[in-house]
Every structure is written in C-alpha cells, then in structure tokens.
Amino acid sequence: MDIHMLYYALAVLLILVGIAGVILPALPGLPLVFAGMLLAAWAGDFQQVGWVALVALGLLTLLSIAVDVFATAIGAQRVGASKKALLGAVLGTFAGLFFMPIGLFVGPFAGALLGELWHGRELRQAAKVGLATWLGIVLGVVLKLGLAFAMVGLFLFAWFL
C-alpha cells in the first residue's frame, strides 16, 4: 500500500471524526476537520490544495472556536445565567455523553438548571436559564455544522479546481 494512500485514509478519518465532534462535545470537531484537510493537502504536496485555501480553512476553524464559546454564553447571559449555571451546562454536557443520545439533549439543560438552583434561584428562573443555555448550545452546533460543510465544500472546490 502506498504511504500516500495511508495519509489520505487518515485524513478522511480525521475529517469524519471531526464532523462527529461538532455534535459530540468531547471532541474538538472543526480543529480535527482542519487537521484532516491539512494532512490531505500535505500528502498531495500542496498541489491540489494550496496555502490560500488552507488559510481560509484555518480562519473558518478559528471562527468555529469563537462560535463554540459565544453561542452558549450568549444564550445563557440573555436570561441572566450565573457562572454556576454555565459550569453546570458544561458538566451536564459531559455527563450526557454517558447517556447517549438522549443525554446530549438533556445533559446541558439539566446541568444549567441544577447550577442555577445551586446558585439559589427559584425553579422557574432556573428552568428559563437551562432552556436558554440549551438553545445556545443547539444554535452553536447548527452554526458549527454549517461551518463544517462550508469547509468541506471549500476543500473539495480547491482540490478539484
């Protein structure tokens, strides 16, 4: 087997795991997608995909990290979430991984809700914060999926152009 084919296979694996990582919070989704694309470009001696496309892909990756951070925070802050609610949402997200696939939906909400209750808020406000935090996470995932497909499209365009 040609070593380049091994590199390409590893690149495809990184891209696929990265796309899964957009949904599964334990994986660095779009950075893995970028790493796979960079590996494929390198394996092809940057003949199909050059530096201009790679810089654009890198900028999209950085944008995805900003989306990741801000989507959850903005959703939570709009309803006055405490730091304990944000911490709870993060912990709930990771705990939810053990109860897939339902845990991915319930975990962040339950974590934010419990964080707000721990902060001393009443149940109604805590539920409102939990829902807003969850919606922020969902919005972030949707935006990151859009960025992932934009990156794949840009990469394929550069590869075949």
N, C-alpha and C. Protein backbone atom coordinates (compact mmCIF):
# COMPACT_ATOMS: atom_id res chain seq x y z
N MET A 1 0.85 -1.19 0.00
CA MET A 1 0.00 0.00 0.00
C MET A 1 0.89 1.24 0.00
N ASP A 2 0.58 2.17 -0.86
CA ASP A 2 1.32 3.42 -0.97
C ASP A 2 1.13 4.24 0.31
N ILE A 3 2.21 4.83 0.81
CA ILE A 3 2.15 5.62 2.05
C ILE A 3 1.20 6.81 1.91
N HIS A 4 1.11 7.35 0.68
CA HIS A 4 0.21 8.49 0.46
C HIS A 4 -1.26 8.08 0.67
N MET A 5 -1.58 6.86 0.27
CA MET A 5 -2.95 6.38 0.47
C MET A 5 -3.26 6.25 1.96
N LEU A 6 -2.26 5.85 2.73
CA LEU A 6 -2.43 5.77 4.18
C LEU A 6 -2.69 7.18 4.75
N TYR A 7 -1.93 8.17 4.28
CA TYR A 7 -2.14 9.55 4.71
C TYR A 7 -3.53 10.03 4.35
N TYR A 8 -3.97 9.73 3.13
CA TYR A 8 -5.30 10.16 2.70
C TYR A 8 -6.39 9.47 3.53
N ALA A 9 -6.20 8.19 3.82
CA ALA A 9 -7.18 7.47 4.65
C ALA A 9 -7.24 8.08 6.05
N LEU A 10 -6.08 8.40 6.61
CA LEU A 10 -6.04 9.04 7.93
C LEU A 10 -6.70 10.42 7.87
N ALA A 11 -6.48 11.14 6.79
CA ALA A 11 -7.09 12.47 6.63
C ALA A 11 -8.61 12.36 6.60
N VAL A 12 -9.14 11.40 5.85
CA VAL A 12 -10.59 11.21 5.79
C VAL A 12 -11.13 10.82 7.16
N LEU A 13 -10.41 9.97 7.88
CA LEU A 13 -10.83 9.57 9.22
C LEU A 13 -10.88 10.79 10.15
N LEU A 14 -9.85 11.63 10.09
CA LEU A 14 -9.84 12.84 10.92
C LEU A 14 -11.02 13.75 10.60
N ILE A 15 -11.32 13.89 9.32
CA ILE A 15 -12.44 14.75 8.90
C ILE A 15 -13.76 14.18 9.42
N LEU A 16 -13.96 12.88 9.28
CA LEU A 16 -15.20 12.25 9.74
C LEU A 16 -15.34 12.32 11.26
N VAL A 17 -14.26 12.06 11.97
CA VAL A 17 -14.29 12.16 13.44
C VAL A 17 -14.54 13.61 13.84
N GLY A 18 -13.95 14.54 13.10
CA GLY A 18 -14.16 15.95 13.39
C GLY A 18 -15.60 16.37 13.19
N ILE A 19 -16.23 15.89 12.13
CA ILE A 19 -17.65 16.22 11.91
C ILE A 19 -18.50 15.62 13.04
N ALA A 20 -18.16 14.41 13.47
CA ALA A 20 -18.87 13.84 14.63
C ALA A 20 -18.62 14.70 15.87
N GLY A 21 -17.41 15.25 15.97
CA GLY A 21 -17.06 16.10 17.11
C GLY A 21 -17.82 17.42 17.16
N VAL A 22 -18.39 17.81 16.05
CA VAL A 22 -19.22 19.02 16.06
C VAL A 22 -20.45 18.76 16.93
N ILE A 23 -20.93 17.53 16.94
CA ILE A 23 -22.12 17.17 17.71
C ILE A 23 -21.74 16.64 19.09
N LEU A 24 -20.65 15.88 19.16
CA LEU A 24 -20.19 15.32 20.43
C LEU A 24 -19.20 16.30 21.07
N PRO A 25 -19.55 16.91 22.18
CA PRO A 25 -18.73 17.98 22.73
C PRO A 25 -17.37 17.55 23.27
N ALA A 26 -17.13 16.26 23.44
CA ALA A 26 -15.86 15.81 23.98
C ALA A 26 -14.75 15.86 22.94
N LEU A 27 -15.11 16.00 21.67
CA LEU A 27 -14.12 16.03 20.59
C LEU A 27 -13.99 17.44 20.03
N PRO A 28 -12.75 17.84 19.70
CA PRO A 28 -12.57 19.16 19.08
C PRO A 28 -12.93 19.10 17.60
N GLY A 29 -14.21 19.21 17.29
CA GLY A 29 -14.74 18.98 15.95
C GLY A 29 -14.01 19.63 14.80
N LEU A 30 -14.17 20.92 14.62
CA LEU A 30 -13.62 21.55 13.43
C LEU A 30 -12.09 21.62 13.44
N PRO A 31 -11.41 21.71 14.58
CA PRO A 31 -9.95 21.58 14.51
C PRO A 31 -9.51 20.21 13.96
N LEU A 32 -10.26 19.14 14.25
CA LEU A 32 -9.94 17.84 13.66
C LEU A 32 -10.21 17.81 12.16
N VAL A 33 -11.30 18.46 11.75
CA VAL A 33 -11.60 18.56 10.31
C VAL A 33 -10.45 19.29 9.62
N PHE A 34 -10.02 20.39 10.20
CA PHE A 34 -8.91 21.15 9.61
C PHE A 34 -7.63 20.32 9.57
N ALA A 35 -7.36 19.59 10.65
CA ALA A 35 -6.15 18.74 10.68
C ALA A 35 -6.20 17.70 9.56
N GLY A 36 -7.36 17.10 9.33
CA GLY A 36 -7.51 16.13 8.25
C GLY A 36 -7.27 16.77 6.89
N MET A 37 -7.79 17.95 6.70
CA MET A 37 -7.61 18.65 5.42
C MET A 37 -6.16 19.07 5.22
N LEU A 38 -5.53 19.50 6.29
CA LEU A 38 -4.12 19.87 6.21
C LEU A 38 -3.27 18.65 5.88
N LEU A 39 -3.58 17.53 6.49
CA LEU A 39 -2.85 16.28 6.21
C LEU A 39 -3.04 15.87 4.74
N ALA A 40 -4.26 15.96 4.24
CA ALA A 40 -4.50 15.60 2.83
C ALA A 40 -3.76 16.54 1.89
N ALA A 41 -3.75 17.83 2.21
CA ALA A 41 -3.03 18.80 1.37
C ALA A 41 -1.54 18.50 1.41
N TRP A 42 -1.02 18.19 2.59
CA TRP A 42 0.39 17.87 2.72
C TRP A 42 0.75 16.60 1.96
N ALA A 43 -0.11 15.57 2.08
CA ALA A 43 0.14 14.30 1.39
C ALA A 43 0.18 14.50 -0.12
N GLY A 44 -0.55 15.48 -0.62
CA GLY A 44 -0.54 15.79 -2.05
C GLY A 44 0.46 16.87 -2.41
N ASP A 45 1.43 17.12 -1.52
CA ASP A 45 2.47 18.14 -1.72
C ASP A 45 1.88 19.51 -2.02
N PHE A 46 0.72 19.79 -1.48
CA PHE A 46 0.04 21.08 -1.63
C PHE A 46 -0.22 21.43 -3.09
N GLN A 47 -0.31 20.40 -3.94
CA GLN A 47 -0.57 20.62 -5.36
C GLN A 47 -2.05 20.89 -5.62
N GLN A 48 -2.94 20.14 -4.96
CA GLN A 48 -4.37 20.31 -5.17
C GLN A 48 -4.92 21.42 -4.29
N VAL A 49 -4.47 21.48 -3.06
CA VAL A 49 -4.95 22.48 -2.10
C VAL A 49 -3.73 23.28 -1.64
N GLY A 50 -3.74 24.56 -1.97
CA GLY A 50 -2.60 25.42 -1.64
C GLY A 50 -2.81 26.20 -0.35
N TRP A 51 -1.88 27.11 -0.14
CA TRP A 51 -1.86 27.87 1.10
C TRP A 51 -3.04 28.83 1.23
N VAL A 52 -3.51 29.38 0.13
CA VAL A 52 -4.64 30.31 0.22
C VAL A 52 -5.87 29.59 0.77
N ALA A 53 -6.16 28.42 0.22
CA ALA A 53 -7.31 27.64 0.70
C ALA A 53 -7.10 27.21 2.14
N LEU A 54 -5.88 26.83 2.50
CA LEU A 54 -5.61 26.39 3.87
C LEU A 54 -5.75 27.53 4.87
N VAL A 55 -5.34 28.73 4.48
CA VAL A 55 -5.51 29.88 5.37
C VAL A 55 -7.01 30.15 5.57
N ALA A 56 -7.78 30.08 4.49
CA ALA A 56 -9.23 30.27 4.59
C ALA A 56 -9.84 29.21 5.49
N LEU A 57 -9.41 27.96 5.34
CA LEU A 57 -9.92 26.87 6.19
C LEU A 57 -9.52 27.09 7.65
N GLY A 58 -8.30 27.58 7.86
CA GLY A 58 -7.85 27.88 9.21
C GLY A 58 -8.67 28.99 9.86
N LEU A 59 -9.01 30.00 9.07
CA LEU A 59 -9.85 31.09 9.59
C LEU A 59 -11.25 30.60 9.94
N LEU A 60 -11.80 29.71 9.12
CA LEU A 60 -13.10 29.12 9.43
C LEU A 60 -13.03 28.28 10.71
N THR A 61 -11.90 27.62 10.91
CA THR A 61 -11.71 26.84 12.14
C THR A 61 -11.68 27.76 13.35
N LEU A 62 -10.96 28.87 13.25
CA LEU A 62 -10.92 29.84 14.35
C LEU A 62 -12.32 30.42 14.61
N LEU A 63 -13.05 30.68 13.54
CA LEU A 63 -14.43 31.17 13.69
C LEU A 63 -15.28 30.15 14.44
N SER A 64 -15.06 28.87 14.17
CA SER A 64 -15.85 27.83 14.84
C SER A 64 -15.56 27.81 16.34
N ILE A 65 -14.33 28.09 16.72
CA ILE A 65 -13.99 28.12 18.15
C ILE A 65 -14.70 29.30 18.81
N ALA A 66 -14.74 30.43 18.12
CA ALA A 66 -15.46 31.59 18.65
C ALA A 66 -16.95 31.29 18.78
N VAL A 67 -17.52 30.63 17.77
CA VAL A 67 -18.94 30.25 17.82
C VAL A 67 -19.19 29.35 19.02
N ASP A 68 -18.29 28.41 19.24
CA ASP A 68 -18.43 27.46 20.34
C ASP A 68 -18.51 28.19 21.68
N VAL A 69 -17.64 29.15 21.87
CA VAL A 69 -17.58 29.86 23.14
C VAL A 69 -18.77 30.81 23.30
N PHE A 70 -19.06 31.56 22.25
CA PHE A 70 -20.05 32.62 22.38
C PHE A 70 -21.50 32.15 22.31
N ALA A 71 -21.80 31.12 21.56
CA ALA A 71 -23.19 30.69 21.41
C ALA A 71 -23.80 30.29 22.75
N THR A 72 -23.10 29.50 23.50
CA THR A 72 -23.61 29.08 24.81
C THR A 72 -23.67 30.25 25.77
N ALA A 73 -22.61 31.05 25.79
CA ALA A 73 -22.55 32.18 26.72
C ALA A 73 -23.63 33.21 26.43
N ILE A 74 -23.86 33.50 25.17
CA ILE A 74 -24.87 34.49 24.81
C ILE A 74 -26.27 34.00 25.17
N GLY A 75 -26.53 32.73 24.86
CA GLY A 75 -27.84 32.17 25.22
C GLY A 75 -28.08 32.25 26.72
N ALA A 76 -27.06 31.94 27.50
CA ALA A 76 -27.20 31.95 28.95
C ALA A 76 -27.26 33.37 29.51
N GLN A 77 -26.43 34.26 28.98
CA GLN A 77 -26.37 35.62 29.51
C GLN A 77 -27.65 36.41 29.23
N ARG A 78 -28.32 36.09 28.14
CA ARG A 78 -29.55 36.83 27.79
C ARG A 78 -30.63 36.67 28.86
N VAL A 79 -30.54 35.60 29.62
CA VAL A 79 -31.53 35.40 30.68
C VAL A 79 -30.90 35.50 32.07
N GLY A 80 -29.70 36.04 32.15
CA GLY A 80 -29.06 36.28 33.44
C GLY A 80 -28.51 35.05 34.13
N ALA A 81 -27.94 34.15 33.38
CA ALA A 81 -27.38 32.92 33.97
C ALA A 81 -26.18 33.24 34.85
N SER A 82 -26.05 32.46 35.90
CA SER A 82 -24.90 32.59 36.79
C SER A 82 -23.73 31.76 36.24
N LYS A 83 -22.57 31.98 36.82
CA LYS A 83 -21.41 31.18 36.43
C LYS A 83 -21.62 29.71 36.81
N LYS A 84 -22.37 29.49 37.85
CA LYS A 84 -22.67 28.12 38.26
C LYS A 84 -23.54 27.42 37.21
N ALA A 85 -24.43 28.18 36.57
CA ALA A 85 -25.26 27.59 35.51
C ALA A 85 -24.40 27.22 34.31
N LEU A 86 -23.46 28.09 33.96
CA LEU A 86 -22.57 27.78 32.84
C LEU A 86 -21.70 26.56 33.16
N LEU A 87 -21.18 26.52 34.36
CA LEU A 87 -20.40 25.36 34.78
C LEU A 87 -21.27 24.11 34.76
N GLY A 88 -22.50 24.23 35.25
CA GLY A 88 -23.42 23.10 35.24
C GLY A 88 -23.72 22.62 33.83
N ALA A 89 -23.87 23.56 32.89
CA ALA A 89 -24.13 23.18 31.50
C ALA A 89 -22.97 22.39 30.92
N VAL A 90 -21.75 22.83 31.21
CA VAL A 90 -20.56 22.11 30.72
C VAL A 90 -20.49 20.72 31.33
N LEU A 91 -20.66 20.65 32.66
CA LEU A 91 -20.62 19.34 33.32
C LEU A 91 -21.77 18.45 32.86
N GLY A 92 -22.93 19.04 32.67
CA GLY A 92 -24.08 18.28 32.18
C GLY A 92 -23.87 17.74 30.78
N THR A 93 -23.18 18.53 29.96
CA THR A 93 -22.87 18.07 28.61
C THR A 93 -21.99 16.84 28.65
N PHE A 94 -20.94 16.89 29.47
CA PHE A 94 -20.05 15.74 29.56
C PHE A 94 -20.73 14.54 30.21
N ALA A 95 -21.55 14.79 31.22
CA ALA A 95 -22.29 13.68 31.84
C ALA A 95 -23.27 13.07 30.85
N GLY A 96 -23.83 13.90 30.00
CA GLY A 96 -24.78 13.42 29.00
C GLY A 96 -24.18 12.46 28.00
N LEU A 97 -22.86 12.52 27.83
CA LEU A 97 -22.18 11.60 26.91
C LEU A 97 -22.35 10.15 27.34
N PHE A 98 -22.54 9.93 28.63
CA PHE A 98 -22.70 8.56 29.13
C PHE A 98 -24.12 8.03 28.92
N PHE A 99 -25.01 8.89 28.50
CA PHE A 99 -26.40 8.50 28.31
C PHE A 99 -26.87 8.85 26.90
N MET A 100 -26.02 8.53 25.92
CA MET A 100 -26.29 8.87 24.53
C MET A 100 -27.52 8.15 24.03
N PRO A 101 -28.26 8.67 23.11
CA PRO A 101 -28.17 10.01 22.54
C PRO A 101 -28.98 11.03 23.33
N ILE A 102 -29.88 10.55 24.20
CA ILE A 102 -30.76 11.45 24.95
C ILE A 102 -29.95 12.36 25.87
N GLY A 103 -28.86 11.86 26.39
CA GLY A 103 -28.03 12.65 27.31
C GLY A 103 -27.46 13.90 26.68
N LEU A 104 -27.23 13.86 25.37
CA LEU A 104 -26.71 15.06 24.69
C LEU A 104 -27.72 16.20 24.72
N PHE A 105 -28.99 15.87 24.77
CA PHE A 105 -30.02 16.90 24.81
C PHE A 105 -30.37 17.30 26.24
N VAL A 106 -30.45 16.33 27.12
CA VAL A 106 -30.88 16.58 28.49
C VAL A 106 -29.74 17.11 29.36
N GLY A 107 -28.53 16.61 29.15
CA GLY A 107 -27.39 16.95 30.00
C GLY A 107 -27.13 18.44 30.16
N PRO A 108 -26.97 19.20 29.06
CA PRO A 108 -26.69 20.64 29.22
C PRO A 108 -27.83 21.39 29.92
N PHE A 109 -29.07 21.03 29.57
CA PHE A 109 -30.22 21.67 30.21
C PHE A 109 -30.24 21.37 31.70
N ALA A 110 -30.12 20.09 32.05
CA ALA A 110 -30.16 19.69 33.46
C ALA A 110 -29.00 20.30 34.23
N GLY A 111 -27.82 20.35 33.62
CA GLY A 111 -26.67 20.94 34.29
C GLY A 111 -26.86 22.41 34.57
N ALA A 112 -27.37 23.15 33.59
CA ALA A 112 -27.62 24.58 33.79
C ALA A 112 -28.72 24.80 34.84
N LEU A 113 -29.74 23.99 34.77
CA LEU A 113 -30.85 24.07 35.73
C LEU A 113 -30.33 23.84 37.15
N LEU A 114 -29.56 22.78 37.33
CA LEU A 114 -29.01 22.47 38.66
C LEU A 114 -28.04 23.55 39.12
N GLY A 115 -27.25 24.09 38.19
CA GLY A 115 -26.34 25.18 38.54
C GLY A 115 -27.08 26.40 39.04
N GLU A 116 -28.19 26.73 38.40
CA GLU A 116 -28.99 27.88 38.84
C GLU A 116 -29.66 27.60 40.19
N LEU A 117 -30.14 26.39 40.37
CA LEU A 117 -30.73 26.04 41.67
C LEU A 117 -29.68 26.12 42.78
N TRP A 118 -28.47 25.67 42.47
CA TRP A 118 -27.35 25.75 43.41
C TRP A 118 -27.04 27.21 43.72
N HIS A 119 -27.18 28.06 42.74
CA HIS A 119 -26.93 29.49 42.90
C HIS A 119 -28.01 30.14 43.77
N GLY A 120 -29.11 29.44 43.99
CA GLY A 120 -30.15 29.95 44.86
C GLY A 120 -31.35 30.53 44.12
N ARG A 121 -31.45 30.29 42.83
CA ARG A 121 -32.58 30.80 42.06
C ARG A 121 -33.80 29.90 42.25
N GLU A 122 -34.96 30.47 42.01
CA GLU A 122 -36.18 29.67 42.07
C GLU A 122 -36.27 28.78 40.83
N LEU A 123 -37.11 27.78 40.91
CA LEU A 123 -37.20 26.77 39.86
C LEU A 123 -37.57 27.39 38.50
N ARG A 124 -38.50 28.33 38.47
CA ARG A 124 -38.93 28.93 37.20
C ARG A 124 -37.75 29.63 36.51
N GLN A 125 -36.99 30.44 37.25
CA GLN A 125 -35.84 31.13 36.67
C GLN A 125 -34.76 30.13 36.27
N ALA A 126 -34.55 29.12 37.08
CA ALA A 126 -33.54 28.10 36.77
C ALA A 126 -33.91 27.36 35.48
N ALA A 127 -35.19 27.04 35.32
CA ALA A 127 -35.62 26.36 34.09
C ALA A 127 -35.46 27.27 32.88
N LYS A 128 -35.75 28.54 33.05
CA LYS A 128 -35.57 29.51 31.95
C LYS A 128 -34.09 29.58 31.54
N VAL A 129 -33.20 29.62 32.51
CA VAL A 129 -31.77 29.65 32.22
C VAL A 129 -31.33 28.34 31.57
N GLY A 130 -31.83 27.23 32.07
CA GLY A 130 -31.49 25.93 31.49
C GLY A 130 -31.90 25.85 30.03
N LEU A 131 -33.11 26.32 29.73
CA LEU A 131 -33.59 26.30 28.36
C LEU A 131 -32.77 27.23 27.46
N ALA A 132 -32.48 28.43 27.93
CA ALA A 132 -31.70 29.39 27.13
C ALA A 132 -30.29 28.86 26.88
N THR A 133 -29.69 28.25 27.88
CA THR A 133 -28.35 27.68 27.72
C THR A 133 -28.39 26.55 26.70
N TRP A 134 -29.39 25.69 26.80
CA TRP A 134 -29.54 24.59 25.87
C TRP A 134 -29.74 25.11 24.45
N LEU A 135 -30.59 26.12 24.29
CA LEU A 135 -30.80 26.70 22.96
C LEU A 135 -29.51 27.29 22.40
N GLY A 136 -28.70 27.91 23.25
CA GLY A 136 -27.40 28.43 22.81
C GLY A 136 -26.50 27.32 22.32
N ILE A 137 -26.50 26.20 23.02
CA ILE A 137 -25.68 25.06 22.60
C ILE A 137 -26.17 24.52 21.26
N VAL A 138 -27.48 24.37 21.12
CA VAL A 138 -28.04 23.87 19.86
C VAL A 138 -27.71 24.81 18.71
N LEU A 139 -27.86 26.12 18.95
CA LEU A 139 -27.51 27.10 17.92
C LEU A 139 -26.04 26.98 17.54
N GLY A 140 -25.18 26.81 18.54
CA GLY A 140 -23.75 26.64 18.28
C GLY A 140 -23.47 25.41 17.43
N VAL A 141 -24.14 24.30 17.72
CA VAL A 141 -23.95 23.07 16.94
C VAL A 141 -24.40 23.28 15.50
N VAL A 142 -25.55 23.93 15.33
CA VAL A 142 -26.05 24.18 13.97
C VAL A 142 -25.06 25.06 13.20
N LEU A 143 -24.58 26.12 13.84
CA LEU A 143 -23.61 27.01 13.17
C LEU A 143 -22.31 26.26 12.84
N LYS A 144 -21.84 25.44 13.77
CA LYS A 144 -20.61 24.69 13.52
C LYS A 144 -20.80 23.64 12.43
N LEU A 145 -21.98 23.03 12.35
CA LEU A 145 -22.24 22.10 11.25
C LEU A 145 -22.20 22.84 9.92
N GLY A 146 -22.77 24.03 9.88
CA GLY A 146 -22.70 24.84 8.67
C GLY A 146 -21.27 25.17 8.30
N LEU A 147 -20.46 25.52 9.29
CA LEU A 147 -19.04 25.79 9.03
C LEU A 147 -18.31 24.53 8.57
N ALA A 148 -18.65 23.39 9.14
CA ALA A 148 -18.01 22.13 8.74
C ALA A 148 -18.29 21.84 7.26
N PHE A 149 -19.54 21.99 6.85
CA PHE A 149 -19.87 21.72 5.46
C PHE A 149 -19.29 22.78 4.52
N ALA A 150 -19.19 24.01 5.00
CA ALA A 150 -18.54 25.05 4.21
C ALA A 150 -17.05 24.71 4.03
N MET A 151 -16.43 24.22 5.08
CA MET A 151 -15.02 23.83 4.98
C MET A 151 -14.83 22.67 4.01
N VAL A 152 -15.69 21.67 4.11
CA VAL A 152 -15.59 20.53 3.19
C VAL A 152 -15.80 21.00 1.75
N GLY A 153 -16.79 21.87 1.54
CA GLY A 153 -17.04 22.40 0.20
C GLY A 153 -15.86 23.19 -0.33
N LEU A 154 -15.29 24.05 0.50
CA LEU A 154 -14.12 24.83 0.09
C LEU A 154 -12.94 23.93 -0.23
N PHE A 155 -12.73 22.91 0.59
CA PHE A 155 -11.63 21.98 0.37
C PHE A 155 -11.82 21.24 -0.95
N LEU A 156 -13.02 20.72 -1.17
CA LEU A 156 -13.28 19.98 -2.42
C LEU A 156 -13.18 20.90 -3.63
N PHE A 157 -13.65 22.14 -3.51
CA PHE A 157 -13.52 23.10 -4.59
C PHE A 157 -12.05 23.34 -4.93
N ALA A 158 -11.24 23.54 -3.88
CA ALA A 158 -9.80 23.76 -4.10
C ALA A 158 -9.14 22.51 -4.68
N TRP A 159 -9.56 21.34 -4.23
CA TRP A 159 -8.95 20.08 -4.66
C TRP A 159 -9.21 19.82 -6.16
N PHE A 160 -10.45 20.07 -6.57
CA PHE A 160 -10.82 19.72 -7.93
C PHE A 160 -10.73 20.89 -8.91
N LEU A 161 -10.41 22.05 -8.45
CA LEU A 161 -10.34 23.20 -9.35
C LEU A 161 -9.07 23.22 -10.15
